[in-house]
Amino acid sequence: GILSEVEGKTGVRHRGSCLYMRAGLVRKGMLAHRLQKRGDTGVLPPGFVADLEDEQDLEDLRKRLSQSEEREPPCAGHLVWIAKGSNANRGESLFLARSANEIVDALRSAALEASVPEWVVQRYVSPPLLLDSRKFHVRAHFLVNGCPYCGTTRAWLHERHHVVLLATNAYSPSCQDRLVHLTNHCLQVSLPGYDEGRQIMALQELDAATERPGLAAHVLAQMELAIKKALAAAASAPAGFA
């Protein structure tokens, strides 16, 4: 953020915060690191933050992932790892794999040749909760208000108007079709079978759609706790939100 001063009609100078070329409040890598450092759980799946600059870094990551698989053997036939570029969004720089070897091999080109050094590598949540045999995610809306004078940050999670976004095609544990796993609207909307009326619903509709009364309220409560921990972790970094 950049602090700038402007003079209003009354002659009083005000300070405002300006974000330049930013797609989010915090990098994925920094958020994962701060959550791990604080011992906060329940926000992100188990995983690692990795700086991949050379073959030795890749080999070190392979060993860490392999050790994790030995401690907690994955479900047979399901995906095991998902890797995300720390600064990426809209489904870019994202890889899925069934083993430590597969994910490291997939990352090699992106990390060493495309110069994407920082990655978050997490356990794939498997098997995922499905709706009409398709994977989905919830897009939450919240407001963050920060004071440049005292440094206090407050956040409000909307109680309504969250949306559930579904994949176009039925879920499969195979990683051949990435778009049965990546439910981003910007990716799904380009598929031939995309149906907005069928694939976008309000969070409140989740109970009836899944035949699980109370599910929407439970999800909302968990989102509130996760956002609280995530914002506190991001703000605890020496540079704050960066």
C-alpha atoms as a PDB file:
ATOM      1  CA  GLY A   1       0.000   0.000   0.000  1.00  0.00           C
ATOM      2  CA  ILE A   2       1.081   3.593  -0.620  1.00  0.00           C
ATOM      3  CA  LEU A   3      -0.029   6.400   1.672  1.00  0.00           C
ATOM      4  CA  SER A   4      -0.842   9.647  -0.101  1.00  0.00           C
ATOM      5  CA  GLU A   5      -2.067  12.997   1.168  1.00  0.00           C
ATOM      6  CA  VAL A   6      -4.768  15.075  -0.504  1.00  0.00           C
ATOM      7  CA  GLU A   7      -6.127  18.485   0.452  1.00  0.00           C
ATOM      8  CA  GLY A   8      -9.911  18.830   0.497  1.00  0.00           C
ATOM      9  CA  LYS A   9     -12.029  21.913  -0.107  1.00  0.00           C
ATOM     10  CA  THR A  10     -11.885  22.750   3.597  1.00  0.00           C
ATOM     11  CA  GLY A  11      -8.107  22.933   3.515  1.00  0.00           C
ATOM     12  CA  VAL A  12      -7.801  19.853   5.752  1.00  0.00           C
ATOM     13  CA  ARG A  13      -5.282  17.321   4.545  1.00  0.00           C
ATOM     14  CA  HIS A  14      -6.415  13.682   4.456  1.00  0.00           C
ATOM     15  CA  ARG A  15      -4.387  10.528   4.126  1.00  0.00           C
ATOM     16  CA  GLY A  16      -5.570   7.729   1.894  1.00  0.00           C
ATOM     17  CA  SER A  17      -4.258   4.259   1.159  1.00  0.00           C
ATOM     18  CA  CYS A  18      -3.759   3.332  -2.487  1.00  0.00           C
ATOM     19  CA  LEU A  19      -3.129  -0.170  -3.803  1.00  0.00           C
ATOM     20  CA  TYR A  20      -1.170  -0.353  -7.066  1.00  0.00           C
ATOM     21  CA  MET A  21      -1.166  -3.446  -9.296  1.00  0.00           C
ATOM     22  CA  ARG A  22      -2.522  -5.693  -6.555  1.00  0.00           C
ATOM     23  CA  ALA A  23      -4.869  -8.651  -6.961  1.00  0.00           C
ATOM     24  CA  GLY A  24      -5.230  -9.463  -3.259  1.00  0.00           C
ATOM     25  CA  LEU A  25      -4.398  -8.501   0.307  1.00  0.00           C
ATOM     26  CA  VAL A  26      -1.640 -11.053   0.767  1.00  0.00           C
ATOM     27  CA  ARG A  27       0.384 -13.585  -1.208  1.00  0.00           C
ATOM     28  CA  LYS A  28      -0.599 -17.233  -0.780  1.00  0.00           C
ATOM     29  CA  GLY A  29       2.914 -18.107   0.365  1.00  0.00           C
ATOM     30  CA  MET A  30       3.045 -15.414   3.026  1.00  0.00           C
ATOM     31  CA  LEU A  31      -0.403 -16.320   4.348  1.00  0.00           C
ATOM     32  CA  ALA A  32       0.470 -20.020   4.606  1.00  0.00           C
ATOM     33  CA  HIS A  33       3.792 -19.172   6.300  1.00  0.00           C
ATOM     34  CA  ARG A  34       2.208 -16.857   8.872  1.00  0.00           C
ATOM     35  CA  LEU A  35      -0.570 -19.343   9.671  1.00  0.00           C
ATOM     36  CA  GLN A  36       1.999 -22.090  10.238  1.00  0.00           C
ATOM     37  CA  LYS A  37       4.141 -19.790  12.362  1.00  0.00           C
ATOM     38  CA  ARG A  38       1.175 -18.893  14.568  1.00  0.00           C
ATOM     39  CA  GLY A  39       0.037 -22.519  14.826  1.00  0.00           C
ATOM     40  CA  ASP A  40      -3.366 -21.681  13.352  1.00  0.00           C
ATOM     41  CA  THR A  41      -5.207 -24.690  11.957  1.00  0.00           C
ATOM     42  CA  GLY A  42      -8.482 -25.154  10.137  1.00  0.00           C
ATOM     43  CA  VAL A  43      -7.819 -22.471   7.525  1.00  0.00           C
ATOM     44  CA  LEU A  44      -5.682 -24.222   4.919  1.00  0.00           C
ATOM     45  CA  PRO A  45      -5.091 -27.916   4.185  1.00  0.00           C
ATOM     46  CA  PRO A  46      -1.774 -29.340   5.459  1.00  0.00           C
ATOM     47  CA  GLY A  47       1.101 -28.363   3.210  1.00  0.00           C
ATOM     48  CA  PHE A  48       4.361 -26.537   2.632  1.00  0.00           C
ATOM     49  CA  VAL A  49       5.635 -23.220   1.329  1.00  0.00           C
ATOM     50  CA  ALA A  50       8.500 -23.798  -1.087  1.00  0.00           C
ATOM     51  CA  ASP A  51      10.979 -21.450  -2.761  1.00  0.00           C
ATOM     52  CA  LEU A  52      12.062 -23.288  -5.907  1.00  0.00           C
ATOM     53  CA  GLU A  53      15.096 -21.774  -7.594  1.00  0.00           C
ATOM     54  CA  ASP A  54      17.129 -24.831  -8.621  1.00  0.00           C
ATOM     55  CA  GLU A  55      17.175 -28.627  -8.760  1.00  0.00           C
ATOM     56  CA  GLN A  56      18.302 -28.906  -5.146  1.00  0.00           C
ATOM     57  CA  ASP A  57      15.203 -26.990  -4.027  1.00  0.00           C
ATOM     58  CA  LEU A  58      13.023 -29.385  -6.038  1.00  0.00           C
ATOM     59  CA  GLU A  59      14.716 -32.411  -4.513  1.00  0.00           C
ATOM     60  CA  ASP A  60      14.279 -30.983  -0.997  1.00  0.00           C
ATOM     61  CA  LEU A  61      10.565 -30.492  -1.708  1.00  0.00           C
ATOM     62  CA  ARG A  62      10.276 -34.054  -3.029  1.00  0.00           C
ATOM     63  CA  LYS A  63      11.724 -35.396   0.236  1.00  0.00           C
ATOM     64  CA  ARG A  64       9.369 -33.317   2.386  1.00  0.00           C
ATOM     65  CA  LEU A  65       6.316 -34.437   0.414  1.00  0.00           C
ATOM     66  CA  SER A  66       7.415 -38.078   0.423  1.00  0.00           C
ATOM     67  CA  GLN A  67       7.865 -37.975   4.192  1.00  0.00           C
ATOM     68  CA  SER A  68       4.374 -36.504   4.536  1.00  0.00           C
ATOM     69  CA  GLU A  69       2.950 -39.357   2.444  1.00  0.00           C
ATOM     70  CA  GLU A  70       4.714 -41.892   4.679  1.00  0.00           C
ATOM     71  CA  ARG A  71       3.283 -40.296   7.831  1.00  0.00           C
ATOM     72  CA  GLU A  72      -0.232 -39.973   6.382  1.00  0.00           C
ATOM     73  CA  PRO A  73      -0.793 -42.399   3.480  1.00  0.00           C
ATOM     74  CA  PRO A  74      -3.162 -40.903   0.880  1.00  0.00           C
ATOM     75  CA  CYS A  75      -6.522 -42.385  -0.127  1.00  0.00           C
ATOM     76  CA  ALA A  76      -6.031 -44.925  -2.897  1.00  0.00           C
ATOM     77  CA  GLY A  77      -7.161 -43.712  -6.305  1.00  0.00           C
ATOM     78  CA  HIS A  78      -7.454 -40.057  -5.299  1.00  0.00           C
ATOM     79  CA  LEU A  79      -5.372 -36.960  -5.937  1.00  0.00           C
ATOM     80  CA  VAL A  80      -2.811 -36.213  -3.248  1.00  0.00           C
ATOM     81  CA  TRP A  81      -1.224 -32.813  -3.957  1.00  0.00           C
ATOM     82  CA  ILE A  82      -2.211 -29.432  -5.343  1.00  0.00           C
ATOM     83  CA  ALA A  83       0.440 -26.758  -5.979  1.00  0.00           C
ATOM     84  CA  LYS A  84      -0.329 -23.066  -6.426  1.00  0.00           C
ATOM     85  CA  GLY A  85       1.953 -20.237  -7.471  1.00  0.00           C
ATOM     86  CA  SER A  86       2.072 -17.760  -4.603  1.00  0.00           C
ATOM     87  CA  ASN A  87       1.112 -14.747  -6.726  1.00  0.00           C
ATOM     88  CA  ALA A  88      -1.159 -16.581  -9.177  1.00  0.00           C
ATOM     89  CA  ASN A  89      -4.944 -16.378  -9.463  1.00  0.00           C
ATOM     90  CA  ARG A  90      -7.758 -17.337 -11.862  1.00  0.00           C
ATOM     91  CA  GLY A  91      -6.504 -20.941 -11.953  1.00  0.00           C
ATOM     92  CA  GLU A  92      -3.073 -20.018 -13.333  1.00  0.00           C
ATOM     93  CA  SER A  93       0.166 -21.726 -12.195  1.00  0.00           C
ATOM     94  CA  LEU A  94      -1.788 -24.538 -10.577  1.00  0.00           C
ATOM     95  CA  PHE A  95      -0.922 -28.240 -10.722  1.00  0.00           C
ATOM     96  CA  LEU A  96      -2.565 -31.454  -9.506  1.00  0.00           C
ATOM     97  CA  ALA A  97      -0.814 -34.762  -8.878  1.00  0.00           C
ATOM     98  CA  ARG A  98      -1.112 -38.208  -7.276  1.00  0.00           C
ATOM     99  CA  SER A  99       2.352 -38.355  -5.727  1.00  0.00           C
ATOM    100  CA  ALA A 100       5.351 -36.348  -4.593  1.00  0.00           C
ATOM    101  CA  ASN A 101       7.254 -37.319  -7.729  1.00  0.00           C
ATOM    102  CA  GLU A 102       4.431 -36.209 -10.012  1.00  0.00           C
ATOM    103  CA  ILE A 103       3.980 -32.795  -8.414  1.00  0.00           C
ATOM    104  CA  VAL A 104       7.701 -32.040  -8.371  1.00  0.00           C
ATOM    105  CA  ASP A 105       8.049 -33.035 -12.021  1.00  0.00           C
ATOM    106  CA  ALA A 106       5.078 -30.807 -12.900  1.00  0.00           C
ATOM    107  CA  LEU A 107       6.584 -27.857 -11.033  1.00  0.00           C
ATOM    108  CA  ARG A 108      10.038 -28.093 -12.617  1.00  0.00           C
ATOM    109  CA  SER A 109       9.244 -26.182 -15.805  1.00  0.00           C
ATOM    110  CA  ALA A 110       7.064 -23.533 -14.152  1.00  0.00           C
ATOM    111  CA  ALA A 111       9.503 -22.891 -11.326  1.00  0.00           C
ATOM    112  CA  LEU A 112      12.834 -23.021 -13.147  1.00  0.00           C
ATOM    113  CA  GLU A 113      11.932 -21.931 -16.679  1.00  0.00           C
ATOM    114  CA  ALA A 114       8.924 -19.658 -16.177  1.00  0.00           C
ATOM    115  CA  SER A 115      10.542 -18.051 -13.112  1.00  0.00           C
ATOM    116  CA  VAL A 116       7.745 -18.670 -10.615  1.00  0.00           C
ATOM    117  CA  PRO A 117       9.843 -19.277  -7.477  1.00  0.00           C
ATOM    118  CA  GLU A 118       7.372 -19.292  -4.572  1.00  0.00           C
ATOM    119  CA  TRP A 119       4.771 -22.060  -4.280  1.00  0.00           C
ATOM    120  CA  VAL A 120       2.240 -23.365  -1.799  1.00  0.00           C
ATOM    121  CA  VAL A 121       1.960 -27.175  -2.032  1.00  0.00           C
ATOM    122  CA  GLN A 122      -0.983 -28.626  -0.122  1.00  0.00           C
ATOM    123  CA  ARG A 123      -2.767 -31.891   0.414  1.00  0.00           C
ATOM    124  CA  TYR A 124      -5.737 -32.174  -1.923  1.00  0.00           C
ATOM    125  CA  VAL A 125      -8.929 -32.406   0.154  1.00  0.00           C
ATOM    126  CA  SER A 126     -10.116 -35.852  -0.874  1.00  0.00           C
ATOM    127  CA  PRO A 127     -12.743 -37.007  -1.348  1.00  0.00           C
ATOM    128  CA  PRO A 128     -14.424 -33.586  -1.682  1.00  0.00           C
ATOM    129  CA  LEU A 129     -18.036 -32.822  -0.807  1.00  0.00           C
ATOM    130  CA  LEU A 130     -20.011 -32.998  -4.063  1.00  0.00           C
ATOM    131  CA  LEU A 131     -23.241 -31.418  -5.209  1.00  0.00           C
ATOM    132  CA  ASP A 132     -25.055 -33.241  -8.013  1.00  0.00           C
ATOM    133  CA  SER A 133     -21.827 -35.275  -8.492  1.00  0.00           C
ATOM    134  CA  ARG A 134     -19.865 -32.076  -9.115  1.00  0.00           C
ATOM    135  CA  LYS A 135     -17.276 -30.207  -7.104  1.00  0.00           C
ATOM    136  CA  PHE A 136     -18.077 -26.693  -5.887  1.00  0.00           C
ATOM    137  CA  HIS A 137     -16.735 -23.858  -3.804  1.00  0.00           C
ATOM    138  CA  VAL A 138     -18.252 -20.935  -1.911  1.00  0.00           C
ATOM    139  CA  ARG A 139     -17.350 -17.376  -2.846  1.00  0.00           C
ATOM    140  CA  ALA A 140     -17.548 -15.314   0.339  1.00  0.00           C
ATOM    141  CA  HIS A 141     -17.885 -11.544   0.492  1.00  0.00           C
ATOM    142  CA  PHE A 142     -16.348  -9.535   3.297  1.00  0.00           C
ATOM    143  CA  LEU A 143     -15.216  -5.984   3.967  1.00  0.00           C
ATOM    144  CA  VAL A 144     -11.839  -5.041   5.435  1.00  0.00           C
ATOM    145  CA  ASN A 145     -11.379  -1.559   6.879  1.00  0.00           C
ATOM    146  CA  GLY A 146      -7.937  -0.387   7.996  1.00  0.00           C
ATOM    147  CA  CYS A 147      -6.867   2.809   9.765  1.00  0.00           C
ATOM    148  CA  PRO A 148      -3.540   4.303   8.512  1.00  0.00           C
ATOM    149  CA  TYR A 149      -3.105   6.214  11.784  1.00  0.00           C
ATOM    150  CA  CYS A 150      -3.512   3.551  14.478  1.00  0.00           C
ATOM    151  CA  GLY A 151      -3.009   0.451  12.316  1.00  0.00           C
ATOM    152  CA  THR A 152      -6.273  -1.137  13.487  1.00  0.00           C
ATOM    153  CA  THR A 153      -7.914  -3.452  10.955  1.00  0.00           C
ATOM    154  CA  ARG A 154     -11.529  -4.578  11.174  1.00  0.00           C
ATOM    155  CA  ALA A 155     -13.360  -7.056   8.989  1.00  0.00           C
ATOM    156  CA  TRP A 156     -17.025  -7.834   8.432  1.00  0.00           C
ATOM    157  CA  LEU A 157     -18.284 -11.012   6.801  1.00  0.00           C
ATOM    158  CA  HIS A 158     -21.589 -10.568   4.996  1.00  0.00           C
ATOM    159  CA  GLU A 159     -24.322 -12.775   6.422  1.00  0.00           C
ATOM    160  CA  ARG A 160     -26.027 -13.147   3.056  1.00  0.00           C
ATOM    161  CA  HIS A 161     -25.250 -13.010  -0.660  1.00  0.00           C
ATOM    162  CA  HIS A 162     -22.477 -15.641  -0.660  1.00  0.00           C
ATOM    163  CA  VAL A 163     -22.613 -17.787  -3.785  1.00  0.00           C
ATOM    164  CA  VAL A 164     -21.943 -21.462  -4.489  1.00  0.00           C
ATOM    165  CA  LEU A 165     -20.096 -22.055  -7.782  1.00  0.00           C
ATOM    166  CA  LEU A 166     -20.261 -25.536  -9.318  1.00  0.00           C
ATOM    167  CA  ALA A 167     -18.115 -27.291 -11.879  1.00  0.00           C
ATOM    168  CA  THR A 168     -19.646 -27.954 -15.298  1.00  0.00           C
ATOM    169  CA  ASN A 169     -18.711 -31.633 -15.441  1.00  0.00           C
ATOM    170  CA  ALA A 170     -18.997 -34.465 -12.944  1.00  0.00           C
ATOM    171  CA  TYR A 171     -16.119 -34.974 -10.512  1.00  0.00           C
ATOM    172  CA  SER A 172     -13.448 -37.569 -11.217  1.00  0.00           C
ATOM    173  CA  PRO A 173     -10.337 -38.295  -9.114  1.00  0.00           C
ATOM    174  CA  SER A 174      -8.295 -38.285 -12.322  1.00  0.00           C
ATOM    175  CA  CYS A 175      -6.124 -35.245 -12.944  1.00  0.00           C
ATOM    176  CA  GLN A 176      -6.562 -35.458 -16.728  1.00  0.00           C
ATOM    177  CA  ASP A 177      -9.441 -32.938 -16.724  1.00  0.00           C
ATOM    178  CA  ARG A 178      -8.321 -30.048 -14.531  1.00  0.00           C
ATOM    179  CA  LEU A 179     -11.670 -28.298 -14.811  1.00  0.00           C
ATOM    180  CA  VAL A 180     -13.572 -30.886 -12.792  1.00  0.00           C
ATOM    181  CA  HIS A 181     -11.327 -29.769  -9.908  1.00  0.00           C
ATOM    182  CA  LEU A 182     -10.941 -26.028 -10.553  1.00  0.00           C
ATOM    183  CA  THR A 183     -14.353 -24.471 -10.067  1.00  0.00           C
ATOM    184  CA  ASN A 184     -13.313 -20.867 -10.763  1.00  0.00           C
ATOM    185  CA  HIS A 185     -16.117 -19.088 -12.622  1.00  0.00           C
ATOM    186  CA  CYS A 186     -13.628 -17.541 -15.077  1.00  0.00           C
ATOM    187  CA  LEU A 187     -12.612 -21.071 -16.171  1.00  0.00           C
ATOM    188  CA  GLN A 188     -15.993 -22.806 -16.078  1.00  0.00           C
ATOM    189  CA  VAL A 189     -17.794 -20.142 -18.104  1.00  0.00           C
ATOM    190  CA  SER A 190     -15.721 -21.002 -21.187  1.00  0.00           C
ATOM    191  CA  LEU A 191     -16.821 -24.669 -21.254  1.00  0.00           C
ATOM    192  CA  PRO A 192     -19.432 -25.760 -23.852  1.00  0.00           C
ATOM    193  CA  GLY A 193     -21.856 -27.199 -21.278  1.00  0.00           C
ATOM    194  CA  TYR A 194     -21.735 -24.260 -18.878  1.00  0.00           C
ATOM    195  CA  ASP A 195     -25.163 -23.325 -17.486  1.00  0.00           C
ATOM    196  CA  GLU A 196     -25.189 -20.257 -15.231  1.00  0.00           C
ATOM    197  CA  GLY A 197     -28.663 -20.963 -13.869  1.00  0.00           C
ATOM    198  CA  ARG A 198     -27.589 -24.449 -12.808  1.00  0.00           C
ATOM    199  CA  GLN A 199     -24.070 -23.672 -11.633  1.00  0.00           C
ATOM    200  CA  ILE A 200     -24.524 -20.551  -9.524  1.00  0.00           C
ATOM    201  CA  MET A 201     -26.701 -20.692  -6.420  1.00  0.00           C
ATOM    202  CA  ALA A 202     -27.048 -18.859  -3.133  1.00  0.00           C
ATOM    203  CA  LEU A 203     -25.376 -20.361  -0.066  1.00  0.00           C
ATOM    204  CA  GLN A 204     -28.798 -20.617   1.587  1.00  0.00           C
ATOM    205  CA  GLU A 205     -29.840 -23.123  -1.081  1.00  0.00           C
ATOM    206  CA  LEU A 206     -27.099 -25.551  -0.042  1.00  0.00           C
ATOM    207  CA  ASP A 207     -29.178 -27.290   2.648  1.00  0.00           C
ATOM    208  CA  ALA A 208     -31.921 -28.350   0.253  1.00  0.00           C
ATOM    209  CA  ALA A 209     -29.524 -29.162  -2.602  1.00  0.00           C
ATOM    210  CA  THR A 210     -27.430 -31.513  -0.440  1.00  0.00           C
ATOM    211  CA  GLU A 211     -30.315 -32.685   1.779  1.00  0.00           C
ATOM    212  CA  ARG A 212     -28.223 -31.717   4.794  1.00  0.00           C
ATOM    213  CA  PRO A 213     -30.162 -29.300   7.051  1.00  0.00           C
ATOM    214  CA  GLY A 214     -27.925 -26.760   8.782  1.00  0.00           C
ATOM    215  CA  LEU A 215     -25.030 -27.150   6.332  1.00  0.00           C
ATOM    216  CA  ALA A 216     -25.157 -23.533   5.098  1.00  0.00           C
ATOM    217  CA  ALA A 217     -25.100 -22.172   8.665  1.00  0.00           C
ATOM    218  CA  HIS A 218     -22.188 -24.476   9.529  1.00  0.00           C
ATOM    219  CA  VAL A 219     -20.235 -23.347   6.444  1.00  0.00           C
ATOM    220  CA  LEU A 220     -20.861 -19.686   7.275  1.00  0.00           C
ATOM    221  CA  ALA A 221     -19.639 -20.152  10.853  1.00  0.00           C
ATOM    222  CA  GLN A 222     -16.486 -21.941   9.646  1.00  0.00           C
ATOM    223  CA  MET A 223     -15.808 -19.181   7.073  1.00  0.00           C
ATOM    224  CA  GLU A 224     -16.063 -16.579   9.807  1.00  0.00           C
ATOM    225  CA  LEU A 225     -13.497 -18.390  11.956  1.00  0.00           C
ATOM    226  CA  ALA A 226     -11.165 -18.998   8.994  1.00  0.00           C
ATOM    227  CA  ILE A 227     -11.265 -15.377   7.827  1.00  0.00           C
ATOM    228  CA  LYS A 228     -10.571 -14.162  11.360  1.00  0.00           C
ATOM    229  CA  LYS A 229      -7.476 -16.373  11.605  1.00  0.00           C
ATOM    230  CA  ALA A 230      -6.314 -15.546   8.067  1.00  0.00           C
ATOM    231  CA  LEU A 231      -6.534 -11.781   8.536  1.00  0.00           C
ATOM    232  CA  ALA A 232      -4.808 -11.955  11.912  1.00  0.00           C
ATOM    233  CA  ALA A 233      -2.010 -14.047  10.396  1.00  0.00           C
ATOM    234  CA  ALA A 234      -1.573 -11.694   7.432  1.00  0.00           C
ATOM    235  CA  ALA A 235      -1.517  -8.640   9.677  1.00  0.00           C
ATOM    236  CA  SER A 236       1.129 -10.245  11.922  1.00  0.00           C
ATOM    237  CA  ALA A 237       3.712 -10.130   9.138  1.00  0.00           C
ATOM    238  CA  PRO A 238       6.395  -7.415   9.581  1.00  0.00           C
ATOM    239  CA  ALA A 239       5.054  -5.576   6.534  1.00  0.00           C
ATOM    240  CA  GLY A 240       1.380  -6.248   7.343  1.00  0.00           C
ATOM    241  CA  PHE A 241      -0.756  -6.934   4.316  1.00  0.00           C
ATOM    242  CA  ALA A 242       1.759  -7.367   1.463  1.00  0.00           C
END
